[in-house]
Amino acid sequence: MQFYGDYHCHSVHSDGHSELEEIVQAAAARGLAEVAITDHGPGVLGIGVKNDGVYVDIRRQIEYLRPEMDGITVLVGAEANITSLEGDLDVADEVIDQLDILIVGLHPY
């Protein structure tokens, strides 16, 4: 099986161990065409981003690194957390509008 992209990567901004540049380099080294940085939302205590503005900062960092990316497409996203029975998320709509990809999940801890 040939993999095209990895759309669920966490960086040091949440519970990952790699800087953004390291994630992109690893994806390129594996021959991927796309990679998405999708750190945990701020509602996941202890492992989420500090606040949803971090996603805007990640986008700025990716734009700065873009000239060094050797043709790999880097998407900026979030793994938002469902916070209510109505389906509310821990990432604001105005931030979601700036994302390329959104993963939504339940993290009951």
PDB file of N, CA and C in Angstrom:
ATOM      1  N   MET A   1       0.834  -1.172   0.000  1.00  0.00           N
ATOM      2  CA  MET A   1       0.000   0.000   0.000  1.00  0.00           C
ATOM      3  C   MET A   1       0.884   1.242   0.000  1.00  0.00           C
ATOM      4  N   GLN A   2       0.557   2.180  -0.827  1.00  0.00           N
ATOM      5  CA  GLN A   2       1.276   3.454  -0.909  1.00  0.00           C
ATOM      6  C   GLN A   2       0.516   4.508  -0.109  1.00  0.00           C
ATOM      7  N   PHE A   3       1.183   5.138   0.827  1.00  0.00           N
ATOM      8  CA  PHE A   3       0.557   6.190   1.621  1.00  0.00           C
ATOM      9  C   PHE A   3       0.812   7.532   0.971  1.00  0.00           C
ATOM     10  N   TYR A   4      -0.209   8.371   0.932  1.00  0.00           N
ATOM     11  CA  TYR A   4      -0.144   9.686   0.308  1.00  0.00           C
ATOM     12  C   TYR A   4       0.133  10.780   1.335  1.00  0.00           C
ATOM     13  N   GLY A   5      -0.500  10.667   2.499  1.00  0.00           N
ATOM     14  CA  GLY A   5      -0.355  11.707   3.506  1.00  0.00           C
ATOM     15  C   GLY A   5      -0.653  11.202   4.900  1.00  0.00           C
ATOM     16  N   ASP A   6      -0.256  11.988   5.870  1.00  0.00           N
ATOM     17  CA  ASP A   6      -0.558  11.729   7.272  1.00  0.00           C
ATOM     18  C   ASP A   6      -1.310  12.958   7.771  1.00  0.00           C
ATOM     19  N   TYR A   7      -2.543  12.762   8.218  1.00  0.00           N
ATOM     20  CA  TYR A   7      -3.405  13.881   8.565  1.00  0.00           C
ATOM     21  C   TYR A   7      -3.703  13.982  10.057  1.00  0.00           C
ATOM     22  N   HIS A   8      -2.851  13.366  10.867  1.00  0.00           N
ATOM     23  CA  HIS A   8      -3.076  13.372  12.308  1.00  0.00           C
ATOM     24  C   HIS A   8      -1.732  13.395  13.024  1.00  0.00           C
ATOM     25  N   CYS A   9      -1.080  14.549  13.000  1.00  0.00           N
ATOM     26  CA  CYS A   9       0.231  14.694  13.640  1.00  0.00           C
ATOM     27  C   CYS A   9       0.153  15.730  14.760  1.00  0.00           C
ATOM     28  N   HIS A  10       0.731  15.378  15.890  1.00  0.00           N
ATOM     29  CA  HIS A  10       0.781  16.283  17.035  1.00  0.00           C
ATOM     30  C   HIS A  10       2.214  16.785  17.201  1.00  0.00           C
ATOM     31  N   SER A  11       2.342  18.073  17.449  1.00  0.00           N
ATOM     32  CA  SER A  11       3.655  18.680  17.637  1.00  0.00           C
ATOM     33  C   SER A  11       3.880  18.992  19.121  1.00  0.00           C
ATOM     34  N   VAL A  12       4.972  19.688  19.396  1.00  0.00           N
ATOM     35  CA  VAL A  12       5.265  20.095  20.770  1.00  0.00           C
ATOM     36  C   VAL A  12       4.231  21.080  21.314  1.00  0.00           C
ATOM     37  N   HIS A  13       3.358  21.582  20.443  1.00  0.00           N
ATOM     38  CA  HIS A  13       2.315  22.512  20.904  1.00  0.00           C
ATOM     39  C   HIS A  13       1.224  21.795  21.698  1.00  0.00           C
ATOM     40  N   SER A  14       1.132  20.470  21.564  1.00  0.00           N
ATOM     41  CA  SER A  14       0.226  19.699  22.430  1.00  0.00           C
ATOM     42  C   SER A  14       1.021  18.528  22.997  1.00  0.00           C
ATOM     43  N   ASP A  15       0.651  17.300  22.691  1.00  0.00           N
ATOM     44  CA  ASP A  15       1.336  16.168  23.319  1.00  0.00           C
ATOM     45  C   ASP A  15       2.358  15.485  22.413  1.00  0.00           C
ATOM     46  N   GLY A  16       2.735  16.112  21.317  1.00  0.00           N
ATOM     47  CA  GLY A  16       3.768  15.557  20.444  1.00  0.00           C
ATOM     48  C   GLY A  16       5.158  15.876  20.967  1.00  0.00           C
ATOM     49  N   HIS A  17       6.145  15.273  20.342  1.00  0.00           N
ATOM     50  CA  HIS A  17       7.524  15.475  20.786  1.00  0.00           C
ATOM     51  C   HIS A  17       8.383  16.157  19.734  1.00  0.00           C
ATOM     52  N   SER A  18       7.806  16.511  18.586  1.00  0.00           N
ATOM     53  CA  SER A  18       8.583  17.077  17.487  1.00  0.00           C
ATOM     54  C   SER A  18       8.159  18.504  17.171  1.00  0.00           C
ATOM     55  N   GLU A  19       9.140  19.279  16.754  1.00  0.00           N
ATOM     56  CA  GLU A  19       8.874  20.632  16.249  1.00  0.00           C
ATOM     57  C   GLU A  19       8.222  20.499  14.875  1.00  0.00           C
ATOM     58  N   LEU A  20       7.579  21.559  14.421  1.00  0.00           N
ATOM     59  CA  LEU A  20       6.891  21.538  13.129  1.00  0.00           C
ATOM     60  C   LEU A  20       7.827  21.145  11.993  1.00  0.00           C
ATOM     61  N   GLU A  21       8.995  21.730  11.959  1.00  0.00           N
ATOM     62  CA  GLU A  21       9.956  21.445  10.899  1.00  0.00           C
ATOM     63  C   GLU A  21      10.355  19.968  10.889  1.00  0.00           C
ATOM     64  N   GLU A  22      10.510  19.364  12.054  1.00  0.00           N
ATOM     65  CA  GLU A  22      10.862  17.946  12.139  1.00  0.00           C
ATOM     66  C   GLU A  22       9.748  17.065  11.583  1.00  0.00           C
ATOM     67  N   ILE A  23       8.496  17.426  11.849  1.00  0.00           N
ATOM     68  CA  ILE A  23       7.368  16.656  11.332  1.00  0.00           C
ATOM     69  C   ILE A  23       7.357  16.707   9.811  1.00  0.00           C
ATOM     70  N   VAL A  24       7.551  17.891   9.265  1.00  0.00           N
ATOM     71  CA  VAL A  24       7.551  18.048   7.801  1.00  0.00           C
ATOM     72  C   VAL A  24       8.711  17.271   7.183  1.00  0.00           C
ATOM     73  N   GLN A  25       9.885  17.360   7.772  1.00  0.00           N
ATOM     74  CA  GLN A  25      11.048  16.628   7.254  1.00  0.00           C
ATOM     75  C   GLN A  25      10.827  15.120   7.302  1.00  0.00           C
ATOM     76  N   ALA A  26      10.251  14.621   8.380  1.00  0.00           N
ATOM     77  CA  ALA A  26       9.993  13.183   8.501  1.00  0.00           C
ATOM     78  C   ALA A  26       8.975  12.726   7.453  1.00  0.00           C
ATOM     79  N   ALA A  27       7.941  13.526   7.224  1.00  0.00           N
ATOM     80  CA  ALA A  27       6.936  13.176   6.216  1.00  0.00           C
ATOM     81  C   ALA A  27       7.559  13.148   4.825  1.00  0.00           C
ATOM     82  N   ALA A  28       8.385  14.135   4.524  1.00  0.00           N
ATOM     83  CA  ALA A  28       9.055  14.184   3.216  1.00  0.00           C
ATOM     84  C   ALA A  28       9.997  12.995   3.052  1.00  0.00           C
ATOM     85  N   ALA A  29      10.723  12.643   4.113  1.00  0.00           N
ATOM     86  CA  ALA A  29      11.656  11.521   4.053  1.00  0.00           C
ATOM     87  C   ALA A  29      10.931  10.198   3.798  1.00  0.00           C
ATOM     88  N   ARG A  30       9.679  10.112   4.204  1.00  0.00           N
ATOM     89  CA  ARG A  30       8.881   8.899   3.989  1.00  0.00           C
ATOM     90  C   ARG A  30       8.148   8.933   2.642  1.00  0.00           C
ATOM     91  N   GLY A  31       8.382   9.993   1.882  1.00  0.00           N
ATOM     92  CA  GLY A  31       7.794  10.084   0.559  1.00  0.00           C
ATOM     93  C   GLY A  31       6.346  10.546   0.538  1.00  0.00           C
ATOM     94  N   LEU A  32       5.879  11.135   1.630  1.00  0.00           N
ATOM     95  CA  LEU A  32       4.497  11.612   1.660  1.00  0.00           C
ATOM     96  C   LEU A  32       4.362  12.902   0.856  1.00  0.00           C
ATOM     97  N   ALA A  33       3.208  13.085   0.254  1.00  0.00           N
ATOM     98  CA  ALA A  33       2.919  14.314  -0.493  1.00  0.00           C
ATOM     99  C   ALA A  33       2.298  15.376   0.405  1.00  0.00           C
ATOM    100  N   GLU A  34       1.625  14.934   1.484  1.00  0.00           N
ATOM    101  CA  GLU A  34       0.949  15.859   2.390  1.00  0.00           C
ATOM    102  C   GLU A  34       1.121  15.424   3.839  1.00  0.00           C
ATOM    103  N   VAL A  35       1.106  16.419   4.718  1.00  0.00           N
ATOM    104  CA  VAL A  35       1.103  16.158   6.155  1.00  0.00           C
ATOM    105  C   VAL A  35       0.268  17.260   6.803  1.00  0.00           C
ATOM    106  N   ALA A  36      -0.482  16.890   7.832  1.00  0.00           N
ATOM    107  CA  ALA A  36      -1.291  17.861   8.560  1.00  0.00           C
ATOM    108  C   ALA A  36      -0.873  17.901  10.017  1.00  0.00           C
ATOM    109  N   ILE A  37      -0.661  19.105  10.511  1.00  0.00           N
ATOM    110  CA  ILE A  37      -0.377  19.316  11.924  1.00  0.00           C
ATOM    111  C   ILE A  37      -1.732  19.531  12.593  1.00  0.00           C
ATOM    112  N   THR A  38      -2.137  18.611  13.450  1.00  0.00           N
ATOM    113  CA  THR A  38      -3.477  18.646  14.053  1.00  0.00           C
ATOM    114  C   THR A  38      -3.374  18.445  15.565  1.00  0.00           C
ATOM    115  N   ASP A  39      -2.817  19.430  16.232  1.00  0.00           N
ATOM    116  CA  ASP A  39      -2.650  19.325  17.679  1.00  0.00           C
ATOM    117  C   ASP A  39      -3.993  19.323  18.406  1.00  0.00           C
ATOM    118  N   HIS A  40      -3.976  18.724  19.614  1.00  0.00           N
ATOM    119  CA  HIS A  40      -5.170  18.649  20.465  1.00  0.00           C
ATOM    120  C   HIS A  40      -5.692  20.038  20.798  1.00  0.00           C
ATOM    121  N   GLY A  41      -7.008  20.158  20.891  1.00  0.00           N
ATOM    122  CA  GLY A  41      -7.647  21.403  21.314  1.00  0.00           C
ATOM    123  C   GLY A  41      -7.341  21.733  22.762  1.00  0.00           C
ATOM    124  N   PRO A  42      -7.604  22.984  23.156  1.00  0.00           N
ATOM    125  CA  PRO A  42      -7.277  23.419  24.516  1.00  0.00           C
ATOM    126  C   PRO A  42      -8.129  22.777  25.605  1.00  0.00           C
ATOM    127  N   GLY A  43      -9.234  22.142  25.245  1.00  0.00           N
ATOM    128  CA  GLY A  43     -10.099  21.524  26.246  1.00  0.00           C
ATOM    129  C   GLY A  43      -9.604  20.201  26.769  1.00  0.00           C
ATOM    130  N   VAL A  44      -8.539  19.670  26.177  1.00  0.00           N
ATOM    131  CA  VAL A  44      -7.975  18.408  26.652  1.00  0.00           C
ATOM    132  C   VAL A  44      -6.896  18.754  27.677  1.00  0.00           C
ATOM    133  N   LEU A  45      -7.273  18.703  28.932  1.00  0.00           N
ATOM    134  CA  LEU A  45      -6.392  19.169  30.005  1.00  0.00           C
ATOM    135  C   LEU A  45      -5.062  18.421  30.030  1.00  0.00           C
ATOM    136  N   GLY A  46      -4.004  19.200  30.132  1.00  0.00           N
ATOM    137  CA  GLY A  46      -2.679  18.632  30.262  1.00  0.00           C
ATOM    138  C   GLY A  46      -1.987  18.295  28.955  1.00  0.00           C
ATOM    139  N   ILE A  47      -2.750  18.076  27.874  1.00  0.00           N
ATOM    140  CA  ILE A  47      -2.086  17.734  26.611  1.00  0.00           C
ATOM    141  C   ILE A  47      -2.520  18.619  25.447  1.00  0.00           C
ATOM    142  N   GLY A  48      -3.513  19.466  25.642  1.00  0.00           N
ATOM    143  CA  GLY A  48      -3.984  20.321  24.556  1.00  0.00           C
ATOM    144  C   GLY A  48      -3.147  21.581  24.420  1.00  0.00           C
ATOM    145  N   VAL A  49      -3.373  22.304  23.321  1.00  0.00           N
ATOM    146  CA  VAL A  49      -2.712  23.598  23.135  1.00  0.00           C
ATOM    147  C   VAL A  49      -3.152  24.543  24.252  1.00  0.00           C
ATOM    148  N   LYS A  50      -2.365  25.584  24.523  1.00  0.00           N
ATOM    149  CA  LYS A  50      -2.684  26.526  25.599  1.00  0.00           C
ATOM    150  C   LYS A  50      -4.007  27.247  25.355  1.00  0.00           C
ATOM    151  N   ASN A  51      -4.222  27.635  24.101  1.00  0.00           N
ATOM    152  CA  ASN A  51      -5.464  28.290  23.691  1.00  0.00           C
ATOM    153  C   ASN A  51      -5.588  28.128  22.185  1.00  0.00           C
ATOM    154  N   ASP A  52      -6.771  28.393  21.638  1.00  0.00           N
ATOM    155  CA  ASP A  52      -6.951  28.116  20.215  1.00  0.00           C
ATOM    156  C   ASP A  52      -6.215  29.088  19.302  1.00  0.00           C
ATOM    157  N   GLY A  53      -5.678  30.169  19.855  1.00  0.00           N
ATOM    158  CA  GLY A  53      -4.826  31.063  19.075  1.00  0.00           C
ATOM    159  C   GLY A  53      -3.521  30.408  18.645  1.00  0.00           C
ATOM    160  N   VAL A  54      -3.145  29.316  19.306  1.00  0.00           N
ATOM    161  CA  VAL A  54      -1.923  28.591  18.944  1.00  0.00           C
ATOM    162  C   VAL A  54      -1.999  28.107  17.493  1.00  0.00           C
ATOM    163  N   TYR A  55      -3.205  27.747  17.025  1.00  0.00           N
ATOM    164  CA  TYR A  55      -3.346  27.274  15.642  1.00  0.00           C
ATOM    165  C   TYR A  55      -2.996  28.367  14.637  1.00  0.00           C
ATOM    166  N   VAL A  56      -3.318  29.609  14.976  1.00  0.00           N
ATOM    167  CA  VAL A  56      -2.958  30.743  14.119  1.00  0.00           C
ATOM    168  C   VAL A  56      -1.440  30.899  14.107  1.00  0.00           C
ATOM    169  N   ASP A  57      -0.809  30.732  15.263  1.00  0.00           N
ATOM    170  CA  ASP A  57       0.652  30.792  15.347  1.00  0.00           C
ATOM    171  C   ASP A  57       1.294  29.666  14.544  1.00  0.00           C
ATOM    172  N   ILE A  58       0.729  28.468  14.602  1.00  0.00           N
ATOM    173  CA  ILE A  58       1.254  27.344  13.834  1.00  0.00           C
ATOM    174  C   ILE A  58       1.184  27.673  12.347  1.00  0.00           C
ATOM    175  N   ARG A  59       0.076  28.254  11.889  1.00  0.00           N
ATOM    176  CA  ARG A  59      -0.040  28.637  10.479  1.00  0.00           C
ATOM    177  C   ARG A  59       1.067  29.628  10.095  1.00  0.00           C
ATOM    178  N   ARG A  60       1.320  30.606  10.951  1.00  0.00           N
ATOM    179  CA  ARG A  60       2.397  31.580  10.671  1.00  0.00           C
ATOM    180  C   ARG A  60       3.750  30.878  10.571  1.00  0.00           C
ATOM    181  N   GLN A  61       4.002  29.945  11.473  1.00  0.00           N
ATOM    182  CA  GLN A  61       5.272  29.219  11.444  1.00  0.00           C
ATOM    183  C   GLN A  61       5.402  28.391  10.170  1.00  0.00           C
ATOM    184  N   ILE A  62       4.328  27.748   9.757  1.00  0.00           N
ATOM    185  CA  ILE A  62       4.349  26.944   8.530  1.00  0.00           C
ATOM    186  C   ILE A  62       4.597  27.835   7.327  1.00  0.00           C
ATOM    187  N   GLU A  63       3.960  28.991   7.267  1.00  0.00           N
ATOM    188  CA  GLU A  63       4.178  29.914   6.151  1.00  0.00           C
ATOM    189  C   GLU A  63       5.634  30.365   6.095  1.00  0.00           C
ATOM    190  N   TYR A  64       6.239  30.586   7.253  1.00  0.00           N
ATOM    191  CA  TYR A  64       7.647  30.968   7.325  1.00  0.00           C
ATOM    192  C   TYR A  64       8.544  29.834   6.823  1.00  0.00           C
ATOM    193  N   LEU A  65       8.194  28.595   7.154  1.00  0.00           N
ATOM    194  CA  LEU A  65       9.007  27.436   6.768  1.00  0.00           C
ATOM    195  C   LEU A  65       8.747  26.974   5.335  1.00  0.00           C
ATOM    196  N   ARG A  66       7.661  27.416   4.725  1.00  0.00           N
ATOM    197  CA  ARG A  66       7.230  26.912   3.418  1.00  0.00           C
ATOM    198  C   ARG A  66       8.342  26.868   2.355  1.00  0.00           C
ATOM    199  N   PRO A  67       9.212  27.870   2.246  1.00  0.00           N
ATOM    200  CA  PRO A  67      10.258  27.787   1.211  1.00  0.00           C
ATOM    201  C   PRO A  67      11.200  26.592   1.355  1.00  0.00           C
ATOM    202  N   GLU A  68      11.276  26.009   2.543  1.00  0.00           N
ATOM    203  CA  GLU A  68      12.178  24.882   2.805  1.00  0.00           C
ATOM    204  C   GLU A  68      11.481  23.529   2.706  1.00  0.00           C
ATOM    205  N   MET A  69      10.240  23.483   2.251  1.00  0.00           N
ATOM    206  CA  MET A  69       9.436  22.275   2.361  1.00  0.00           C
ATOM    207  C   MET A  69       9.527  21.322   1.182  1.00  0.00           C
ATOM    208  N   ASP A  70      10.331  21.595   0.202  1.00  0.00           N
ATOM    209  CA  ASP A  70      10.593  20.662  -0.899  1.00  0.00           C
ATOM    210  C   ASP A  70       9.339  20.044  -1.511  1.00  0.00           C
ATOM    211  N   GLY A  71       8.309  20.849  -1.732  1.00  0.00           N
ATOM    212  CA  GLY A  71       7.150  20.372  -2.463  1.00  0.00           C
ATOM    213  C   GLY A  71       6.111  19.617  -1.665  1.00  0.00           C
ATOM    214  N   ILE A  72       6.334  19.361  -0.392  1.00  0.00           N
ATOM    215  CA  ILE A  72       5.321  18.674   0.417  1.00  0.00           C
ATOM    216  C   ILE A  72       4.265  19.699   0.844  1.00  0.00           C
ATOM    217  N   THR A  73       3.013  19.314   0.763  1.00  0.00           N
ATOM    218  CA  THR A  73       1.925  20.179   1.195  1.00  0.00           C
ATOM    219  C   THR A  73       1.719  20.002   2.697  1.00  0.00           C
ATOM    220  N   VAL A  74       1.738  21.105   3.422  1.00  0.00           N
ATOM    221  CA  VAL A  74       1.559  21.067   4.873  1.00  0.00           C
ATOM    222  C   VAL A  74       0.238  21.752   5.196  1.00  0.00           C
ATOM    223  N   LEU A  75      -0.656  21.004   5.824  1.00  0.00           N
ATOM    224  CA  LEU A  75      -1.955  21.515   6.222  1.00  0.00           C
ATOM    225  C   LEU A  75      -1.931  21.835   7.713  1.00  0.00           C
ATOM    226  N   VAL A  76      -2.673  22.855   8.089  1.00  0.00           N
ATOM    227  CA  VAL A  76      -2.784  23.225   9.499  1.00  0.00           C
ATOM    228  C   VAL A  76      -4.194  22.895   9.948  1.00  0.00           C
ATOM    229  N   GLY A  77      -4.284  22.144  11.028  1.00  0.00           N
ATOM    230  CA  GLY A  77      -5.591  21.738  11.520  1.00  0.00           C
ATOM    231  C   GLY A  77      -5.613  21.635  13.028  1.00  0.00           C
ATOM    232  N   ALA A  78      -6.684  21.037  13.515  1.00  0.00           N
ATOM    233  CA  ALA A  78      -6.852  20.841  14.947  1.00  0.00           C
ATOM    234  C   ALA A  78      -7.556  19.512  15.186  1.00  0.00           C
ATOM    235  N   GLU A  79      -7.259  18.909  16.320  1.00  0.00           N
ATOM    236  CA  GLU A  79      -8.061  17.796  16.801  1.00  0.00           C
ATOM    237  C   GLU A  79      -8.916  18.364  17.928  1.00  0.00           C
ATOM    238  N   ALA A  80     -10.041  18.948  17.547  1.00  0.00           N
ATOM    239  CA  ALA A  80     -10.927  19.602  18.496  1.00  0.00           C
ATOM    240  C   ALA A  80     -11.623  18.579  19.377  1.00  0.00           C
ATOM    241  N   ASN A  81     -12.026  19.031  20.535  1.00  0.00           N
ATOM    242  CA  ASN A  81     -12.695  18.193  21.497  1.00  0.00           C
ATOM    243  C   ASN A  81     -14.161  18.598  21.601  1.00  0.00           C
ATOM    244  N   ILE A  82     -15.050  17.627  21.580  1.00  0.00           N
ATOM    245  CA  ILE A  82     -16.471  17.896  21.789  1.00  0.00           C
ATOM    246  C   ILE A  82     -16.674  18.182  23.275  1.00  0.00           C
ATOM    247  N   THR A  83     -17.291  19.336  23.572  1.00  0.00           N
ATOM    248  CA  THR A  83     -17.394  19.763  24.967  1.00  0.00           C
ATOM    249  C   THR A  83     -18.815  19.774  25.518  1.00  0.00           C
ATOM    250  N   SER A  84     -19.798  19.431  24.681  1.00  0.00           N
ATOM    251  CA  SER A  84     -21.177  19.429  25.174  1.00  0.00           C
ATOM    252  C   SER A  84     -22.005  18.424  24.389  1.00  0.00           C
ATOM    253  N   LEU A  85     -23.172  18.127  24.900  1.00  0.00           N
ATOM    254  CA  LEU A  85     -24.094  17.228  24.201  1.00  0.00           C
ATOM    255  C   LEU A  85     -24.619  17.858  22.912  1.00  0.00           C
ATOM    256  N   GLU A  86     -24.518  19.162  22.799  1.00  0.00           N
ATOM    257  CA  GLU A  86     -24.955  19.862  21.588  1.00  0.00           C
ATOM    258  C   GLU A  86     -23.885  19.857  20.498  1.00  0.00           C
ATOM    259  N   GLY A  87     -22.715  19.331  20.811  1.00  0.00           N
ATOM    260  CA  GLY A  87     -21.640  19.246  19.824  1.00  0.00           C
ATOM    261  C   GLY A  87     -20.713  20.446  19.789  1.00  0.00           C
ATOM    262  N   ASP A  88     -20.754  21.280  20.829  1.00  0.00           N
ATOM    263  CA  ASP A  88     -19.835  22.411  20.897  1.00  0.00           C
ATOM    264  C   ASP A  88     -18.397  21.902  20.929  1.00  0.00           C
ATOM    265  N   LEU A  89     -17.494  22.711  20.359  1.00  0.00           N
ATOM    266  CA  LEU A  89     -16.081  22.348  20.297  1.00  0.00           C
ATOM    267  C   LEU A  89     -15.238  23.299  21.123  1.00  0.00           C
ATOM    268  N   ASP A  90     -14.036  22.874  21.460  1.00  0.00           N
ATOM    269  CA  ASP A  90     -13.128  23.714  22.238  1.00  0.00           C
ATOM    270  C   ASP A  90     -12.253  24.610  21.367  1.00  0.00           C
ATOM    271  N   VAL A  91     -12.602  24.750  20.112  1.00  0.00           N
ATOM    272  CA  VAL A  91     -11.916  25.653  19.187  1.00  0.00           C
ATOM    273  C   VAL A  91     -12.986  26.584  18.614  1.00  0.00           C
ATOM    274  N   ALA A  92     -12.738  27.879  18.669  1.00  0.00           N
ATOM    275  CA  ALA A  92     -13.712  28.875  18.219  1.00  0.00           C
ATOM    276  C   ALA A  92     -13.940  28.796  16.707  1.00  0.00           C
ATOM    277  N   ASP A  93     -15.157  29.118  16.294  1.00  0.00           N
ATOM    278  CA  ASP A  93     -15.510  29.081  14.870  1.00  0.00           C
ATOM    279  C   ASP A  93     -14.583  29.945  14.025  1.00  0.00           C
ATOM    280  N   GLU A  94     -14.195  31.116  14.533  1.00  0.00           N
ATOM    281  CA  GLU A  94     -13.322  31.996  13.744  1.00  0.00           C
ATOM    282  C   GLU A  94     -11.924  31.408  13.556  1.00  0.00           C
ATOM    283  N   VAL A  95     -11.498  30.543  14.461  1.00  0.00           N
ATOM    284  CA  VAL A  95     -10.227  29.834  14.284  1.00  0.00           C
ATOM    285  C   VAL A  95     -10.435  28.661  13.330  1.00  0.00           C
ATOM    286  N   ILE A  96     -11.521  27.925  13.495  1.00  0.00           N
ATOM    287  CA  ILE A  96     -11.823  26.801  12.601  1.00  0.00           C
ATOM    288  C   ILE A  96     -11.857  27.269  11.148  1.00  0.00           C
ATOM    289  N   ASP A  97     -12.396  28.456  10.914  1.00  0.00           N
ATOM    290  CA  ASP A  97     -12.466  28.999   9.557  1.00  0.00           C
ATOM    291  C   ASP A  97     -11.091  29.187   8.923  1.00  0.00           C
ATOM    292  N   GLN A  98     -10.048  29.271   9.741  1.00  0.00           N
ATOM    293  CA  GLN A  98      -8.687  29.472   9.238  1.00  0.00           C
ATOM    294  C   GLN A  98      -7.921  28.158   9.060  1.00  0.00           C
ATOM    295  N   LEU A  99      -8.542  27.043   9.436  1.00  0.00           N
ATOM    296  CA  LEU A  99      -7.873  25.743   9.358  1.00  0.00           C
ATOM    297  C   LEU A  99      -8.105  25.078   8.009  1.00  0.00           C
ATOM    298  N   ASP A 100      -7.168  24.207   7.643  1.00  0.00           N
ATOM    299  CA  ASP A 100      -7.301  23.410   6.422  1.00  0.00           C
ATOM    300  C   ASP A 100      -8.051  22.116   6.681  1.00  0.00           C
ATOM    301  N   ILE A 101      -7.963  21.615   7.920  1.00  0.00           N
ATOM    302  CA  ILE A 101      -8.542  20.318   8.259  1.00  0.00           C
ATOM    303  C   ILE A 101      -8.963  20.356   9.725  1.00  0.00           C
ATOM    304  N   LEU A 102     -10.054  19.675  10.032  1.00  0.00           N
ATOM    305  CA  LEU A 102     -10.538  19.612  11.402  1.00  0.00           C
ATOM    306  C   LEU A 102     -10.878  18.157  11.731  1.00  0.00           C
ATOM    307  N   ILE A 103     -10.250  17.662  12.792  1.00  0.00           N
ATOM    308  CA  ILE A 103     -10.572  16.348  13.345  1.00  0.00           C
ATOM    309  C   ILE A 103     -11.336  16.632  14.629  1.00  0.00           C
ATOM    310  N   VAL A 104     -12.385  15.878  14.888  1.00  0.00           N
ATOM    311  CA  VAL A 104     -13.187  16.096  16.089  1.00  0.00           C
ATOM    312  C   VAL A 104     -13.283  14.779  16.832  1.00  0.00           C
ATOM    313  N   GLY A 105     -13.081  14.831  18.143  1.00  0.00           N
ATOM    314  CA  GLY A 105     -13.152  13.610  18.923  1.00  0.00           C
ATOM    315  C   GLY A 105     -13.598  13.862  20.353  1.00  0.00           C
ATOM    316  N   LEU A 106     -13.775  12.783  21.057  1.00  0.00           N
ATOM    317  CA  LEU A 106     -14.085  12.824  22.475  1.00  0.00           C
ATOM    318  C   LEU A 106     -12.849  12.419  23.256  1.00  0.00           C
ATOM    319  N   HIS A 107     -12.488  13.221  24.217  1.00  0.00           N
ATOM    320  CA  HIS A 107     -11.379  12.908  25.098  1.00  0.00           C
ATOM    321  C   HIS A 107     -11.915  13.038  26.515  1.00  0.00           C
ATOM    322  N   PRO A 108     -12.498  11.983  27.066  1.00  0.00           N
ATOM    323  CA  PRO A 108     -13.209  12.092  28.333  1.00  0.00           C
ATOM    324  C   PRO A 108     -12.327  12.350  29.538  1.00  0.00           C
ATOM    325  N   TYR A 109     -11.035  12.206  29.404  1.00  0.00           N
ATOM    326  CA  TYR A 109     -10.199  12.504  30.560  1.00  0.00           C
ATOM    327  C   TYR A 109     -10.039  13.971  30.641  1.00  0.00           C
TER     328      TYR A 109
END
